Amino acid sequence: MTDKPTRANVPPPKKKSFLPEHVAVGAADNMNGERLAPMTFNMPRSWHLEFKMEAAVRGISMKELLQDSYAAYKREHGK
């Protein structure tokens, strides 16, 4: 008998994240009781990449960046 590892006792390889190590990834905050509504719109790929990178650099989701942007728009336009 050998001590050769079997599938049963070999852990799966760890997946590498595309995010830098300093970016914390937390659990989704979608359990606040309010139903979510999907939003679907198309943007140029270059804009999408810039938006996604901005969110990643700040350590927030694209959804959070969109919400923050809209809040700033409302403040600026007095709504």
N, C-alpha and C. Protein backbone atom coordinates (compact mmCIF):
# COMPACT_ATOMS: atom_id res chain seq x y z
N MET A 1 0.84 -1.18 0.00
CA MET A 1 0.00 0.00 0.00
C MET A 1 0.89 1.24 0.00
N THR A 2 0.46 2.26 -0.77
CA THR A 2 1.25 3.50 -0.85
C THR A 2 0.47 4.64 -0.21
N ASP A 3 1.18 5.73 0.05
CA ASP A 3 0.54 6.93 0.62
C ASP A 3 0.19 7.92 -0.48
N LYS A 4 -0.08 7.43 -1.66
CA LYS A 4 -0.42 8.28 -2.79
C LYS A 4 -1.75 8.99 -2.52
N PRO A 5 -1.81 10.34 -2.72
CA PRO A 5 -3.07 11.05 -2.46
C PRO A 5 -4.18 10.57 -3.41
N THR A 6 -5.35 10.53 -2.90
CA THR A 6 -6.51 10.18 -3.71
C THR A 6 -7.35 11.43 -3.93
N ARG A 7 -8.30 11.34 -4.83
CA ARG A 7 -9.18 12.49 -5.07
C ARG A 7 -9.92 12.91 -3.81
N ALA A 8 -10.22 11.97 -2.97
CA ALA A 8 -11.00 12.26 -1.76
C ALA A 8 -10.27 13.16 -0.78
N ASN A 9 -8.94 13.11 -0.74
CA ASN A 9 -8.23 13.90 0.27
C ASN A 9 -7.31 14.97 -0.33
N VAL A 10 -7.50 15.30 -1.60
CA VAL A 10 -6.72 16.36 -2.22
C VAL A 10 -7.60 17.60 -2.32
N PRO A 11 -7.21 18.72 -1.67
CA PRO A 11 -8.06 19.92 -1.73
C PRO A 11 -8.04 20.51 -3.14
N PRO A 12 -9.15 21.15 -3.54
CA PRO A 12 -9.18 21.77 -4.86
C PRO A 12 -8.22 22.96 -4.89
N PRO A 13 -7.69 23.28 -6.07
CA PRO A 13 -6.78 24.43 -6.15
C PRO A 13 -7.51 25.72 -5.83
N LYS A 14 -6.80 26.65 -5.22
CA LYS A 14 -7.39 27.95 -4.89
C LYS A 14 -7.49 28.78 -6.16
N LYS A 15 -8.64 29.45 -6.33
CA LYS A 15 -8.83 30.32 -7.48
C LYS A 15 -8.19 31.67 -7.19
N LYS A 16 -7.49 32.20 -8.17
CA LYS A 16 -6.89 33.52 -8.01
C LYS A 16 -7.93 34.57 -8.34
N SER A 17 -8.00 35.59 -7.54
CA SER A 17 -8.91 36.70 -7.78
C SER A 17 -8.27 37.67 -8.77
N PHE A 18 -9.09 38.31 -9.58
CA PHE A 18 -8.59 39.33 -10.49
C PHE A 18 -8.40 40.66 -9.79
N LEU A 19 -8.89 40.76 -8.55
CA LEU A 19 -8.78 42.01 -7.79
C LEU A 19 -7.44 42.07 -7.06
N PRO A 20 -6.89 43.25 -6.89
CA PRO A 20 -5.66 43.37 -6.09
C PRO A 20 -5.92 42.91 -4.66
N GLU A 21 -4.85 42.48 -3.98
CA GLU A 21 -4.98 41.94 -2.63
C GLU A 21 -5.59 42.94 -1.65
N HIS A 22 -5.37 44.25 -1.85
CA HIS A 22 -5.86 45.24 -0.89
C HIS A 22 -7.36 45.51 -1.03
N VAL A 23 -7.99 44.96 -2.06
CA VAL A 23 -9.42 45.18 -2.26
C VAL A 23 -10.19 44.11 -1.49
N ALA A 24 -10.96 44.54 -0.52
CA ALA A 24 -11.75 43.61 0.27
C ALA A 24 -13.04 43.30 -0.46
N VAL A 25 -13.38 42.03 -0.50
CA VAL A 25 -14.62 41.62 -1.14
C VAL A 25 -15.54 41.12 -0.04
N GLY A 26 -16.66 41.80 0.14
CA GLY A 26 -17.59 41.42 1.19
C GLY A 26 -18.82 40.73 0.63
N ALA A 27 -19.67 40.33 1.53
CA ALA A 27 -20.91 39.68 1.13
C ALA A 27 -21.86 40.69 0.51
N ALA A 28 -22.71 40.20 -0.35
CA ALA A 28 -23.70 41.06 -0.99
C ALA A 28 -24.69 41.58 0.04
N ASP A 29 -25.08 42.83 -0.10
CA ASP A 29 -26.05 43.44 0.81
C ASP A 29 -27.39 43.52 0.11
N ASN A 30 -27.99 42.36 -0.13
CA ASN A 30 -29.26 42.35 -0.83
C ASN A 30 -30.37 41.74 0.02
N MET A 31 -30.18 41.72 1.31
CA MET A 31 -31.16 41.12 2.20
C MET A 31 -31.85 42.17 3.07
N ASN A 32 -31.97 43.40 2.57
CA ASN A 32 -32.56 44.46 3.37
C ASN A 32 -34.07 44.52 3.24
N GLY A 33 -34.67 43.56 2.55
CA GLY A 33 -36.12 43.51 2.45
C GLY A 33 -36.69 44.18 1.22
N GLU A 34 -35.97 45.09 0.61
CA GLU A 34 -36.47 45.76 -0.58
C GLU A 34 -36.17 44.90 -1.80
N ARG A 35 -37.17 44.71 -2.63
CA ARG A 35 -36.98 43.91 -3.83
C ARG A 35 -36.10 44.67 -4.82
N LEU A 36 -35.26 43.93 -5.50
CA LEU A 36 -34.36 44.53 -6.48
C LEU A 36 -35.01 44.51 -7.86
N ALA A 37 -34.75 45.54 -8.64
CA ALA A 37 -35.25 45.62 -10.01
C ALA A 37 -34.05 45.59 -10.95
N PRO A 38 -34.08 44.72 -11.94
CA PRO A 38 -32.93 44.66 -12.87
C PRO A 38 -32.88 45.89 -13.76
N MET A 39 -31.67 46.30 -14.07
CA MET A 39 -31.46 47.41 -15.00
C MET A 39 -30.57 46.88 -16.11
N THR A 40 -30.98 47.07 -17.33
CA THR A 40 -30.19 46.59 -18.45
C THR A 40 -30.02 47.72 -19.45
N PHE A 41 -28.77 48.09 -19.71
CA PHE A 41 -28.48 49.07 -20.73
C PHE A 41 -27.08 48.80 -21.26
N ASN A 42 -26.85 49.19 -22.46
CA ASN A 42 -25.56 48.95 -23.11
C ASN A 42 -24.74 50.23 -23.15
N MET A 43 -23.47 50.07 -22.86
CA MET A 43 -22.53 51.18 -22.89
C MET A 43 -21.34 50.77 -23.75
N PRO A 44 -20.61 51.74 -24.30
CA PRO A 44 -19.40 51.39 -25.05
C PRO A 44 -18.43 50.61 -24.15
N ARG A 45 -17.75 49.64 -24.72
CA ARG A 45 -16.83 48.79 -23.94
C ARG A 45 -15.78 49.62 -23.21
N SER A 46 -15.26 50.65 -23.86
CA SER A 46 -14.21 51.47 -23.23
C SER A 46 -14.75 52.17 -21.99
N TRP A 47 -15.99 52.66 -22.05
CA TRP A 47 -16.61 53.31 -20.90
C TRP A 47 -16.84 52.30 -19.78
N HIS A 48 -17.34 51.13 -20.15
CA HIS A 48 -17.60 50.07 -19.16
C HIS A 48 -16.32 49.67 -18.44
N LEU A 49 -15.24 49.51 -19.20
CA LEU A 49 -13.96 49.14 -18.58
C LEU A 49 -13.47 50.23 -17.63
N GLU A 50 -13.59 51.49 -18.05
CA GLU A 50 -13.17 52.60 -17.18
C GLU A 50 -14.00 52.64 -15.90
N PHE A 51 -15.31 52.45 -16.03
CA PHE A 51 -16.22 52.44 -14.88
C PHE A 51 -15.88 51.29 -13.93
N LYS A 52 -15.65 50.11 -14.50
CA LYS A 52 -15.33 48.93 -13.71
C LYS A 52 -14.01 49.10 -12.98
N MET A 53 -13.01 49.66 -13.67
CA MET A 53 -11.72 49.88 -13.04
C MET A 53 -11.81 50.91 -11.91
N GLU A 54 -12.61 51.94 -12.09
CA GLU A 54 -12.79 52.95 -11.04
C GLU A 54 -13.39 52.31 -9.80
N ALA A 55 -14.40 51.46 -10.00
CA ALA A 55 -15.01 50.78 -8.86
C ALA A 55 -13.99 49.88 -8.17
N ALA A 56 -13.22 49.13 -8.95
CA ALA A 56 -12.22 48.22 -8.37
C ALA A 56 -11.16 48.98 -7.58
N VAL A 57 -10.69 50.09 -8.13
CA VAL A 57 -9.67 50.89 -7.45
C VAL A 57 -10.19 51.40 -6.11
N ARG A 58 -11.46 51.77 -6.09
CA ARG A 58 -12.07 52.28 -4.85
C ARG A 58 -12.51 51.17 -3.91
N GLY A 59 -12.46 49.92 -4.38
CA GLY A 59 -12.84 48.78 -3.53
C GLY A 59 -14.34 48.67 -3.33
N ILE A 60 -15.11 49.14 -4.31
CA ILE A 60 -16.57 49.05 -4.21
C ILE A 60 -17.11 48.36 -5.46
N SER A 61 -18.36 47.95 -5.40
CA SER A 61 -18.97 47.30 -6.55
C SER A 61 -19.38 48.36 -7.57
N MET A 62 -19.62 47.91 -8.79
CA MET A 62 -20.10 48.81 -9.83
C MET A 62 -21.48 49.36 -9.43
N LYS A 63 -22.27 48.55 -8.76
CA LYS A 63 -23.58 49.00 -8.29
C LYS A 63 -23.42 50.15 -7.30
N GLU A 64 -22.48 50.01 -6.36
CA GLU A 64 -22.24 51.08 -5.38
C GLU A 64 -21.76 52.36 -6.07
N LEU A 65 -20.89 52.21 -7.06
CA LEU A 65 -20.40 53.39 -7.78
C LEU A 65 -21.54 54.08 -8.52
N LEU A 66 -22.42 53.30 -9.12
CA LEU A 66 -23.56 53.88 -9.81
C LEU A 66 -24.48 54.60 -8.83
N GLN A 67 -24.75 53.98 -7.67
CA GLN A 67 -25.61 54.62 -6.66
C GLN A 67 -24.97 55.90 -6.13
N ASP A 68 -23.66 55.86 -5.86
CA ASP A 68 -22.96 57.05 -5.37
C ASP A 68 -22.98 58.16 -6.42
N SER A 69 -22.82 57.77 -7.69
CA SER A 69 -22.82 58.75 -8.77
C SER A 69 -24.18 59.42 -8.90
N TYR A 70 -25.23 58.64 -8.77
CA TYR A 70 -26.58 59.20 -8.87
C TYR A 70 -26.87 60.12 -7.67
N ALA A 71 -26.42 59.72 -6.48
CA ALA A 71 -26.60 60.57 -5.30
C ALA A 71 -25.88 61.91 -5.49
N ALA A 72 -24.67 61.88 -6.05
CA ALA A 72 -23.92 63.11 -6.31
C ALA A 72 -24.64 63.96 -7.36
N TYR A 73 -25.20 63.34 -8.37
CA TYR A 73 -25.95 64.06 -9.40
C TYR A 73 -27.16 64.77 -8.78
N LYS A 74 -27.87 64.07 -7.90
CA LYS A 74 -29.04 64.69 -7.25
C LYS A 74 -28.62 65.86 -6.36
N ARG A 75 -27.50 65.71 -5.64
CA ARG A 75 -27.02 66.82 -4.80
C ARG A 75 -26.65 68.01 -5.65
N GLU A 76 -25.97 67.77 -6.73
CA GLU A 76 -25.50 68.85 -7.60
C GLU A 76 -26.66 69.58 -8.30
N HIS A 77 -27.69 68.86 -8.60
CA HIS A 77 -28.82 69.44 -9.33
C HIS A 77 -30.01 69.77 -8.42
N GLY A 78 -29.77 69.75 -7.11
CA GLY A 78 -30.77 70.20 -6.15
C GLY A 78 -32.02 69.37 -6.06
N LYS A 79 -31.90 68.08 -6.20
CA LYS A 79 -33.09 67.21 -6.09
C LYS A 79 -33.11 66.51 -4.79
